[in-house]
Amino acid sequence: MPPEHRESEQYRAAGRRMALAEAVYARRSALGWTLAELAERSGLDEATVESIEESGVDPTLPLIERLAAAFDSVVRIDPAHEPAMRFEGYAA
């Protein structure tokens, strides 16, 4: 892909959606939760959770806060590292 395409807002937005998708899937899987369990805990419907995990939802701050609360986690966002976003459980 040409460098100028990677600089486009559409490309960056797609990257943010993918980072959210990967972070949600990774945390949900680590907890052993189903889509339905995350939907219930987050107050979202199951179709929305599925769309998040399919990179179909923009990562707004209210959504990230809602997911972090559902996961009882903090969220780390660092575009310079992979994964760019991750949910981490609170230290015991």
C-alpha atoms as a PDB file:
ATOM      1  CA  MET A   1       0.000   0.000   0.000  1.00  0.00           C
ATOM      2  CA  PRO A   2       1.405   3.415  -0.898  1.00  0.00           C
ATOM      3  CA  PRO A   3       2.452   5.520   2.121  1.00  0.00           C
ATOM      4  CA  GLU A   4      -0.024   8.267   1.248  1.00  0.00           C
ATOM      5  CA  HIS A   5      -2.891   5.793   1.712  1.00  0.00           C
ATOM      6  CA  ARG A   6      -1.678   4.916   5.213  1.00  0.00           C
ATOM      7  CA  GLU A   7      -1.847   8.605   6.070  1.00  0.00           C
ATOM      8  CA  SER A   8      -5.495   8.961   5.074  1.00  0.00           C
ATOM      9  CA  GLU A   9      -8.118   9.478   7.781  1.00  0.00           C
ATOM     10  CA  GLN A  10     -10.073   6.483   6.474  1.00  0.00           C
ATOM     11  CA  TYR A  11      -7.036   4.242   6.912  1.00  0.00           C
ATOM     12  CA  ARG A  12      -6.380   5.529  10.437  1.00  0.00           C
ATOM     13  CA  ALA A  13     -10.068   5.149  11.363  1.00  0.00           C
ATOM     14  CA  ALA A  14     -10.044   1.560  10.110  1.00  0.00           C
ATOM     15  CA  GLY A  15      -6.945   0.927  12.214  1.00  0.00           C
ATOM     16  CA  ARG A  16      -8.682   2.268  15.324  1.00  0.00           C
ATOM     17  CA  ARG A  17     -11.715   0.027  14.682  1.00  0.00           C
ATOM     18  CA  MET A  18      -9.403  -2.973  14.259  1.00  0.00           C
ATOM     19  CA  ALA A  19      -7.510  -2.139  17.459  1.00  0.00           C
ATOM     20  CA  LEU A  20     -10.790  -1.995  19.394  1.00  0.00           C
ATOM     21  CA  ALA A  21     -11.978  -5.251  17.813  1.00  0.00           C
ATOM     22  CA  GLU A  22      -8.770  -7.057  18.729  1.00  0.00           C
ATOM     23  CA  ALA A  23      -8.733  -5.680  22.281  1.00  0.00           C
ATOM     24  CA  VAL A  24     -12.355  -6.620  22.969  1.00  0.00           C
ATOM     25  CA  TYR A  25     -11.987 -10.098  21.495  1.00  0.00           C
ATOM     26  CA  ALA A  26      -8.734 -10.734  23.380  1.00  0.00           C
ATOM     27  CA  ARG A  27     -10.154  -9.659  26.755  1.00  0.00           C
ATOM     28  CA  ARG A  28     -13.488 -11.429  26.265  1.00  0.00           C
ATOM     29  CA  SER A  29     -11.679 -14.627  25.265  1.00  0.00           C
ATOM     30  CA  ALA A  30      -9.253 -14.381  28.189  1.00  0.00           C
ATOM     31  CA  LEU A  31     -12.227 -14.141  30.548  1.00  0.00           C
ATOM     32  CA  GLY A  32     -13.998 -17.044  28.835  1.00  0.00           C
ATOM     33  CA  TRP A  33     -17.086 -14.937  28.134  1.00  0.00           C
ATOM     34  CA  THR A  34     -19.518 -15.393  25.276  1.00  0.00           C
ATOM     35  CA  LEU A  35     -20.738 -12.493  23.155  1.00  0.00           C
ATOM     36  CA  ALA A  36     -23.992 -12.657  25.130  1.00  0.00           C
ATOM     37  CA  GLU A  37     -22.162 -12.384  28.462  1.00  0.00           C
ATOM     38  CA  LEU A  38     -20.250  -9.303  27.364  1.00  0.00           C
ATOM     39  CA  ALA A  39     -23.423  -7.785  25.937  1.00  0.00           C
ATOM     40  CA  GLU A  40     -25.222  -8.282  29.250  1.00  0.00           C
ATOM     41  CA  ARG A  41     -22.364  -6.947  31.365  1.00  0.00           C
ATOM     42  CA  SER A  42     -21.826  -3.900  29.127  1.00  0.00           C
ATOM     43  CA  GLY A  43     -25.475  -3.030  28.546  1.00  0.00           C
ATOM     44  CA  LEU A  44     -24.995  -3.400  24.792  1.00  0.00           C
ATOM     45  CA  ASP A  45     -26.958  -5.727  22.571  1.00  0.00           C
ATOM     46  CA  GLU A  46     -25.267  -8.847  21.244  1.00  0.00           C
ATOM     47  CA  ALA A  47     -25.339  -7.564  17.643  1.00  0.00           C
ATOM     48  CA  THR A  48     -23.393  -4.464  18.701  1.00  0.00           C
ATOM     49  CA  VAL A  49     -20.770  -6.530  20.506  1.00  0.00           C
ATOM     50  CA  GLU A  50     -20.429  -8.722  17.432  1.00  0.00           C
ATOM     51  CA  SER A  51     -20.073  -5.629  15.240  1.00  0.00           C
ATOM     52  CA  ILE A  52     -17.366  -4.269  17.553  1.00  0.00           C
ATOM     53  CA  GLU A  53     -15.412  -7.514  17.200  1.00  0.00           C
ATOM     54  CA  GLU A  54     -15.824  -7.368  13.421  1.00  0.00           C
ATOM     55  CA  SER A  55     -14.235  -3.871  13.288  1.00  0.00           C
ATOM     56  CA  GLY A  56     -17.594  -2.304  12.487  1.00  0.00           C
ATOM     57  CA  VAL A  57     -17.813   0.226  15.319  1.00  0.00           C
ATOM     58  CA  ASP A  58     -15.775   3.384  15.881  1.00  0.00           C
ATOM     59  CA  PRO A  59     -14.049   3.416  19.282  1.00  0.00           C
ATOM     60  CA  THR A  60     -15.615   6.401  21.021  1.00  0.00           C
ATOM     61  CA  LEU A  61     -14.549   7.303  24.532  1.00  0.00           C
ATOM     62  CA  PRO A  62     -17.983   6.479  26.050  1.00  0.00           C
ATOM     63  CA  LEU A  63     -17.899   3.047  24.391  1.00  0.00           C
ATOM     64  CA  ILE A  64     -14.352   2.341  25.563  1.00  0.00           C
ATOM     65  CA  GLU A  65     -15.301   3.409  29.107  1.00  0.00           C
ATOM     66  CA  ARG A  66     -18.372   1.165  29.033  1.00  0.00           C
ATOM     67  CA  LEU A  67     -16.337  -1.829  27.876  1.00  0.00           C
ATOM     68  CA  ALA A  68     -13.579  -1.182  30.422  1.00  0.00           C
ATOM     69  CA  ALA A  69     -16.183  -1.114  33.199  1.00  0.00           C
ATOM     70  CA  ALA A  70     -17.775  -4.332  31.918  1.00  0.00           C
ATOM     71  CA  PHE A  71     -14.365  -6.015  31.858  1.00  0.00           C
ATOM     72  CA  ASP A  72     -13.456  -4.478  35.257  1.00  0.00           C
ATOM     73  CA  SER A  73     -10.318  -3.319  33.478  1.00  0.00           C
ATOM     74  CA  VAL A  74      -8.220  -0.367  32.554  1.00  0.00           C
ATOM     75  CA  VAL A  75      -7.646   0.330  28.890  1.00  0.00           C
ATOM     76  CA  ARG A  76      -4.216   1.039  27.458  1.00  0.00           C
ATOM     77  CA  ILE A  77      -3.992   2.883  24.144  1.00  0.00           C
ATOM     78  CA  ASP A  78      -0.580   3.264  22.526  1.00  0.00           C
ATOM     79  CA  PRO A  79      -0.604   3.490  18.722  1.00  0.00           C
ATOM     80  CA  ALA A  80       3.197   3.112  18.674  1.00  0.00           C
ATOM     81  CA  HIS A  81       2.978  -0.473  19.974  1.00  0.00           C
ATOM     82  CA  GLU A  82       1.102  -3.649  19.129  1.00  0.00           C
ATOM     83  CA  PRO A  83      -1.482  -4.251  20.238  1.00  0.00           C
ATOM     84  CA  ALA A  84      -2.393  -0.568  19.968  1.00  0.00           C
ATOM     85  CA  MET A  85      -5.233  -1.019  22.465  1.00  0.00           C
ATOM     86  CA  ARG A  86      -5.736  -3.513  25.251  1.00  0.00           C
ATOM     87  CA  PHE A  87      -7.926  -4.040  28.284  1.00  0.00           C
ATOM     88  CA  GLU A  88      -6.015  -5.062  31.406  1.00  0.00           C
ATOM     89  CA  GLY A  89      -7.479  -6.347  34.639  1.00  0.00           C
ATOM     90  CA  TYR A  90      -6.748  -4.312  37.743  1.00  0.00           C
ATOM     91  CA  ALA A  91      -3.713  -5.498  39.701  1.00  0.00           C
ATOM     92  CA  ALA A  92      -4.701  -7.479  42.766  1.00  0.00           C
END
